[in-house]
Amino acid sequence: MKLLSSAFFLLLIVPTCKSSTLEDTCRSFAARHPSIGYDYCIRTFQADKATAAATDVRSLAVIAARIAEARANATAARIAALSALEKDGRRRDRLSVCAEVYSDAVDQLGQAADDIAHGAEGADQAAQDPVTKLSAALDAPGTCEDAFGEADDTSPLAAEDAEFKKLASIALAVAASLTPPPSTQKPRITD
């Protein structure tokens, strides 16, 4: 009977450990990004079946980058469809700007996910590189919206840009949490 009780206890606690990592990660994210929030973060991860197997923040960072990459791919496909139908050359040029930045974002997100998955734990450069790529990818929606805003044209991609920005923000924040804080110790000078 004791063995059965212990086994039952372990079954209850194992999912809680994984869930706790996700919850802690989303709480930390929401504290810095209240406009996106905890619930959105949780829903984003729970919508991806890979989250069930995530055991640590590193695996959540990879998943977040892959989720953002998928959204960037979907947005790039929408841009291509809009461009194919667009008759106005100037509007096609604005869509071309969006196509370029989203194509770059897809590449950056894929590379960042790979870097995070294969990066050395705690290595400063290994942690910084994906953060730089994720930060660059996060620029895509703003650049796309600016292309339309500068021409006083309504963006047909406002909803997609807003959604991608949220997803890329989650990916960046989770990946940045893997980066060790800069050392505050001053070097010792010895004679």
C-alpha atoms as a PDB file:
ATOM      1  CA  MET A   1       0.000   0.000   0.000  1.00  0.00           C
ATOM      2  CA  LYS A   2       2.875   2.357   0.808  1.00  0.00           C
ATOM      3  CA  LEU A   3       4.400   1.698  -2.615  1.00  0.00           C
ATOM      4  CA  LEU A   4       1.085   2.489  -4.309  1.00  0.00           C
ATOM      5  CA  SER A   5       0.770   5.758  -2.352  1.00  0.00           C
ATOM      6  CA  SER A   6       4.324   6.753  -3.277  1.00  0.00           C
ATOM      7  CA  ALA A   7       3.731   6.001  -6.940  1.00  0.00           C
ATOM      8  CA  PHE A   8       0.516   8.041  -6.911  1.00  0.00           C
ATOM      9  CA  PHE A   9       2.327  10.945  -5.238  1.00  0.00           C
ATOM     10  CA  LEU A  10       5.037  10.882  -7.917  1.00  0.00           C
ATOM     11  CA  LEU A  11       2.439  10.890 -10.680  1.00  0.00           C
ATOM     12  CA  LEU A  12       0.928  14.008  -9.163  1.00  0.00           C
ATOM     13  CA  ILE A  13       4.189  15.864  -8.642  1.00  0.00           C
ATOM     14  CA  VAL A  14       5.920  15.212 -12.009  1.00  0.00           C
ATOM     15  CA  PRO A  15       3.415  17.188 -14.126  1.00  0.00           C
ATOM     16  CA  THR A  16       3.487  19.930 -11.482  1.00  0.00           C
ATOM     17  CA  CYS A  17       7.247  20.348 -11.922  1.00  0.00           C
ATOM     18  CA  LYS A  18       6.902  20.873 -15.674  1.00  0.00           C
ATOM     19  CA  SER A  19       3.895  23.122 -15.180  1.00  0.00           C
ATOM     20  CA  SER A  20       5.772  25.104 -12.551  1.00  0.00           C
ATOM     21  CA  THR A  21       8.574  25.877 -15.021  1.00  0.00           C
ATOM     22  CA  LEU A  22       6.042  27.130 -17.549  1.00  0.00           C
ATOM     23  CA  GLU A  23       4.121  29.098 -14.937  1.00  0.00           C
ATOM     24  CA  ASP A  24       7.289  30.639 -13.483  1.00  0.00           C
ATOM     25  CA  THR A  25       8.511  31.547 -16.956  1.00  0.00           C
ATOM     26  CA  CYS A  26       5.207  33.186 -17.891  1.00  0.00           C
ATOM     27  CA  ARG A  27       4.991  35.014 -14.538  1.00  0.00           C
ATOM     28  CA  SER A  28       8.455  36.442 -15.112  1.00  0.00           C
ATOM     29  CA  PHE A  29       7.523  37.408 -18.669  1.00  0.00           C
ATOM     30  CA  ALA A  30       4.245  39.040 -17.612  1.00  0.00           C
ATOM     31  CA  ALA A  31       6.003  41.100 -14.944  1.00  0.00           C
ATOM     32  CA  ARG A  32       8.077  42.745 -17.689  1.00  0.00           C
ATOM     33  CA  HIS A  33       5.354  42.718 -20.364  1.00  0.00           C
ATOM     34  CA  PRO A  34       2.029  43.419 -18.632  1.00  0.00           C
ATOM     35  CA  SER A  35       0.375  44.499 -21.887  1.00  0.00           C
ATOM     36  CA  ILE A  36       0.830  40.954 -23.238  1.00  0.00           C
ATOM     37  CA  GLY A  37       0.367  39.209 -19.918  1.00  0.00           C
ATOM     38  CA  TYR A  38       0.553  35.883 -18.168  1.00  0.00           C
ATOM     39  CA  ASP A  39      -2.569  34.288 -19.663  1.00  0.00           C
ATOM     40  CA  TYR A  40      -1.457  34.980 -23.228  1.00  0.00           C
ATOM     41  CA  CYS A  41       1.968  33.504 -22.467  1.00  0.00           C
ATOM     42  CA  ILE A  42       0.442  30.340 -20.979  1.00  0.00           C
ATOM     43  CA  ARG A  43      -2.031  29.938 -23.877  1.00  0.00           C
ATOM     44  CA  THR A  44       0.770  30.404 -26.398  1.00  0.00           C
ATOM     45  CA  PHE A  45       2.838  27.595 -24.931  1.00  0.00           C
ATOM     46  CA  GLN A  46      -0.116  25.304 -24.259  1.00  0.00           C
ATOM     47  CA  ALA A  47      -1.172  25.570 -27.918  1.00  0.00           C
ATOM     48  CA  ASP A  48       2.073  23.842 -28.902  1.00  0.00           C
ATOM     49  CA  LYS A  49       2.181  20.127 -28.152  1.00  0.00           C
ATOM     50  CA  ALA A  50       5.978  20.236 -27.635  1.00  0.00           C
ATOM     51  CA  THR A  51       5.382  22.174 -24.407  1.00  0.00           C
ATOM     52  CA  ALA A  52       4.173  18.995 -22.699  1.00  0.00           C
ATOM     53  CA  ALA A  53       7.690  17.567 -22.997  1.00  0.00           C
ATOM     54  CA  ALA A  54       9.484  20.776 -21.964  1.00  0.00           C
ATOM     55  CA  THR A  55      11.514  20.251 -18.825  1.00  0.00           C
ATOM     56  CA  ASP A  56      13.332  23.552 -18.443  1.00  0.00           C
ATOM     57  CA  VAL A  57      13.478  27.167 -19.547  1.00  0.00           C
ATOM     58  CA  ARG A  58      15.901  26.327 -22.374  1.00  0.00           C
ATOM     59  CA  SER A  59      13.364  23.993 -23.979  1.00  0.00           C
ATOM     60  CA  LEU A  60      10.650  26.642 -23.523  1.00  0.00           C
ATOM     61  CA  ALA A  61      12.904  29.187 -25.261  1.00  0.00           C
ATOM     62  CA  VAL A  62      13.304  26.837 -28.233  1.00  0.00           C
ATOM     63  CA  ILE A  63       9.545  26.271 -28.372  1.00  0.00           C
ATOM     64  CA  ALA A  64       8.837  30.017 -28.189  1.00  0.00           C
ATOM     65  CA  ALA A  65      11.267  30.708 -31.041  1.00  0.00           C
ATOM     66  CA  ARG A  66       9.637  27.950 -33.140  1.00  0.00           C
ATOM     67  CA  ILE A  67       6.141  29.330 -32.420  1.00  0.00           C
ATOM     68  CA  ALA A  68       7.256  32.811 -33.516  1.00  0.00           C
ATOM     69  CA  GLU A  69       8.963  31.299 -36.578  1.00  0.00           C
ATOM     70  CA  ALA A  70       5.711  29.577 -37.586  1.00  0.00           C
ATOM     71  CA  ARG A  71       3.809  32.866 -37.214  1.00  0.00           C
ATOM     72  CA  ALA A  72       6.457  34.686 -39.291  1.00  0.00           C
ATOM     73  CA  ASN A  73       6.101  32.013 -41.992  1.00  0.00           C
ATOM     74  CA  ALA A  74       2.314  32.405 -41.976  1.00  0.00           C
ATOM     75  CA  THR A  75       2.647  36.173 -42.221  1.00  0.00           C
ATOM     76  CA  ALA A  76       5.123  35.835 -45.096  1.00  0.00           C
ATOM     77  CA  ALA A  77       2.604  33.617 -46.907  1.00  0.00           C
ATOM     78  CA  ARG A  78      -0.143  36.209 -46.358  1.00  0.00           C
ATOM     79  CA  ILE A  79       2.160  38.936 -47.694  1.00  0.00           C
ATOM     80  CA  ALA A  80       2.850  36.865 -50.814  1.00  0.00           C
ATOM     81  CA  ALA A  81      -0.887  36.356 -51.362  1.00  0.00           C
ATOM     82  CA  LEU A  82      -1.596  40.078 -50.918  1.00  0.00           C
ATOM     83  CA  SER A  83       1.258  41.006 -53.276  1.00  0.00           C
ATOM     84  CA  ALA A  84      -0.037  38.659 -55.962  1.00  0.00           C
ATOM     85  CA  LEU A  85      -3.427  40.393 -55.887  1.00  0.00           C
ATOM     86  CA  GLU A  86      -2.195  43.977 -55.482  1.00  0.00           C
ATOM     87  CA  LYS A  87      -2.512  46.182 -58.584  1.00  0.00           C
ATOM     88  CA  ASP A  88      -0.973  49.359 -57.122  1.00  0.00           C
ATOM     89  CA  GLY A  89       2.812  49.310 -57.651  1.00  0.00           C
ATOM     90  CA  ARG A  90       3.566  51.536 -54.643  1.00  0.00           C
ATOM     91  CA  ARG A  91       1.510  49.333 -52.344  1.00  0.00           C
ATOM     92  CA  ARG A  92       3.297  46.277 -53.767  1.00  0.00           C
ATOM     93  CA  ASP A  93       6.584  48.000 -52.875  1.00  0.00           C
ATOM     94  CA  ARG A  94       5.409  48.406 -49.287  1.00  0.00           C
ATOM     95  CA  LEU A  95       4.400  44.742 -49.218  1.00  0.00           C
ATOM     96  CA  SER A  96       7.838  43.916 -50.605  1.00  0.00           C
ATOM     97  CA  VAL A  97       9.439  45.621 -47.594  1.00  0.00           C
ATOM     98  CA  CYS A  98       7.270  43.458 -45.345  1.00  0.00           C
ATOM     99  CA  ALA A  99       8.137  40.326 -47.312  1.00  0.00           C
ATOM    100  CA  GLU A 100      11.846  41.026 -46.908  1.00  0.00           C
ATOM    101  CA  VAL A 101      11.756  41.673 -43.160  1.00  0.00           C
ATOM    102  CA  TYR A 102       9.552  38.638 -42.487  1.00  0.00           C
ATOM    103  CA  SER A 103      11.813  36.428 -44.617  1.00  0.00           C
ATOM    104  CA  ASP A 104      14.752  37.634 -42.514  1.00  0.00           C
ATOM    105  CA  ALA A 105      12.745  37.050 -39.327  1.00  0.00           C
ATOM    106  CA  VAL A 106      12.009  33.450 -40.325  1.00  0.00           C
ATOM    107  CA  ASP A 107      15.740  32.846 -40.845  1.00  0.00           C
ATOM    108  CA  GLN A 108      16.717  34.585 -37.602  1.00  0.00           C
ATOM    109  CA  LEU A 109      14.130  32.713 -35.547  1.00  0.00           C
ATOM    110  CA  GLY A 110      15.134  29.344 -36.977  1.00  0.00           C
ATOM    111  CA  GLN A 111      18.806  30.030 -36.304  1.00  0.00           C
ATOM    112  CA  ALA A 112      18.044  31.307 -32.809  1.00  0.00           C
ATOM    113  CA  ALA A 113      16.026  28.178 -31.974  1.00  0.00           C
ATOM    114  CA  ASP A 114      18.882  25.972 -33.189  1.00  0.00           C
ATOM    115  CA  ASP A 115      21.442  28.030 -31.259  1.00  0.00           C
ATOM    116  CA  ILE A 116      19.407  27.821 -28.058  1.00  0.00           C
ATOM    117  CA  ALA A 117      18.860  24.081 -28.455  1.00  0.00           C
ATOM    118  CA  HIS A 118      22.558  23.403 -29.020  1.00  0.00           C
ATOM    119  CA  GLY A 119      24.107  26.250 -27.014  1.00  0.00           C
ATOM    120  CA  ALA A 120      26.407  25.695 -24.089  1.00  0.00           C
ATOM    121  CA  GLU A 121      24.722  26.319 -20.733  1.00  0.00           C
ATOM    122  CA  GLY A 122      25.958  29.544 -19.194  1.00  0.00           C
ATOM    123  CA  ALA A 123      28.377  30.396 -21.999  1.00  0.00           C
ATOM    124  CA  ASP A 124      28.079  34.150 -22.420  1.00  0.00           C
ATOM    125  CA  GLN A 125      28.547  34.258 -26.204  1.00  0.00           C
ATOM    126  CA  ALA A 126      26.365  31.191 -26.792  1.00  0.00           C
ATOM    127  CA  ALA A 127      23.532  32.832 -24.855  1.00  0.00           C
ATOM    128  CA  GLN A 128      23.936  36.293 -26.432  1.00  0.00           C
ATOM    129  CA  ASP A 129      23.871  35.182 -30.075  1.00  0.00           C
ATOM    130  CA  PRO A 130      20.284  33.868 -30.099  1.00  0.00           C
ATOM    131  CA  VAL A 131      19.138  36.909 -28.126  1.00  0.00           C
ATOM    132  CA  THR A 132      20.629  39.152 -30.821  1.00  0.00           C
ATOM    133  CA  LYS A 133      18.853  37.167 -33.557  1.00  0.00           C
ATOM    134  CA  LEU A 134      15.542  37.219 -31.688  1.00  0.00           C
ATOM    135  CA  SER A 135      15.883  40.950 -31.110  1.00  0.00           C
ATOM    136  CA  ALA A 136      16.480  41.484 -34.835  1.00  0.00           C
ATOM    137  CA  ALA A 137      13.430  39.356 -35.699  1.00  0.00           C
ATOM    138  CA  LEU A 138      11.313  41.451 -33.341  1.00  0.00           C
ATOM    139  CA  ASP A 139      11.977  44.466 -35.597  1.00  0.00           C
ATOM    140  CA  ALA A 140       9.981  42.943 -38.506  1.00  0.00           C
ATOM    141  CA  PRO A 141       6.477  44.075 -37.529  1.00  0.00           C
ATOM    142  CA  GLY A 142       7.582  47.632 -36.779  1.00  0.00           C
ATOM    143  CA  THR A 143       9.456  47.919 -40.061  1.00  0.00           C
ATOM    144  CA  CYS A 144       6.474  46.522 -41.947  1.00  0.00           C
ATOM    145  CA  GLU A 145       4.038  48.905 -40.259  1.00  0.00           C
ATOM    146  CA  ASP A 146       6.420  51.835 -40.857  1.00  0.00           C
ATOM    147  CA  ALA A 147       6.465  51.078 -44.597  1.00  0.00           C
ATOM    148  CA  PHE A 148       2.712  51.711 -44.688  1.00  0.00           C
ATOM    149  CA  GLY A 149       2.635  54.480 -42.072  1.00  0.00           C
ATOM    150  CA  GLU A 150       5.235  56.606 -43.855  1.00  0.00           C
ATOM    151  CA  ALA A 151       3.031  56.553 -46.955  1.00  0.00           C
ATOM    152  CA  ASP A 152      -0.134  57.340 -44.962  1.00  0.00           C
ATOM    153  CA  ASP A 153      -1.478  53.988 -46.110  1.00  0.00           C
ATOM    154  CA  THR A 154      -3.445  51.607 -43.917  1.00  0.00           C
ATOM    155  CA  SER A 155      -1.519  48.417 -43.326  1.00  0.00           C
ATOM    156  CA  PRO A 156      -3.344  45.242 -44.332  1.00  0.00           C
ATOM    157  CA  LEU A 157      -1.025  43.388 -41.941  1.00  0.00           C
ATOM    158  CA  ALA A 158      -1.717  45.236 -38.682  1.00  0.00           C
ATOM    159  CA  ALA A 159      -3.275  42.211 -36.970  1.00  0.00           C
ATOM    160  CA  GLU A 160      -0.515  39.863 -38.131  1.00  0.00           C
ATOM    161  CA  ASP A 161       2.180  42.339 -37.099  1.00  0.00           C
ATOM    162  CA  ALA A 162       0.657  42.761 -33.637  1.00  0.00           C
ATOM    163  CA  GLU A 163       0.381  39.004 -33.108  1.00  0.00           C
ATOM    164  CA  PHE A 164       3.920  38.340 -34.300  1.00  0.00           C
ATOM    165  CA  LYS A 165       5.260  41.086 -32.042  1.00  0.00           C
ATOM    166  CA  LYS A 166       3.703  39.379 -29.010  1.00  0.00           C
ATOM    167  CA  LEU A 167       5.084  35.966 -29.935  1.00  0.00           C
ATOM    168  CA  ALA A 168       8.551  37.307 -30.744  1.00  0.00           C
ATOM    169  CA  SER A 169       8.528  39.231 -27.439  1.00  0.00           C
ATOM    170  CA  ILE A 170       7.882  35.997 -25.553  1.00  0.00           C
ATOM    171  CA  ALA A 171      10.669  34.217 -27.432  1.00  0.00           C
ATOM    172  CA  LEU A 172      13.118  37.053 -26.784  1.00  0.00           C
ATOM    173  CA  ALA A 173      12.273  37.355 -23.089  1.00  0.00           C
ATOM    174  CA  VAL A 174      12.538  33.622 -22.429  1.00  0.00           C
ATOM    175  CA  ALA A 175      15.829  33.342 -24.340  1.00  0.00           C
ATOM    176  CA  ALA A 176      17.208  36.423 -22.575  1.00  0.00           C
ATOM    177  CA  SER A 177      16.477  34.780 -19.230  1.00  0.00           C
ATOM    178  CA  LEU A 178      19.101  32.164 -20.159  1.00  0.00           C
ATOM    179  CA  THR A 179      21.777  34.833 -20.485  1.00  0.00           C
ATOM    180  CA  PRO A 180      23.873  35.118 -17.356  1.00  0.00           C
ATOM    181  CA  PRO A 181      23.791  38.581 -15.790  1.00  0.00           C
ATOM    182  CA  PRO A 182      26.889  40.666 -16.407  1.00  0.00           C
ATOM    183  CA  SER A 183      29.536  40.295 -13.768  1.00  0.00           C
ATOM    184  CA  THR A 184      29.513  43.121 -11.250  1.00  0.00           C
ATOM    185  CA  GLN A 185      32.780  42.160  -9.652  1.00  0.00           C
ATOM    186  CA  LYS A 186      35.732  44.400 -10.311  1.00  0.00           C
ATOM    187  CA  PRO A 187      38.917  42.682 -11.351  1.00  0.00           C
ATOM    188  CA  ARG A 188      41.501  42.337  -8.612  1.00  0.00           C
ATOM    189  CA  ILE A 189      44.725  44.133  -9.144  1.00  0.00           C
ATOM    190  CA  THR A 190      47.677  42.357  -7.650  1.00  0.00           C
ATOM    191  CA  ASP A 191      51.205  43.581  -7.315  1.00  0.00           C
END
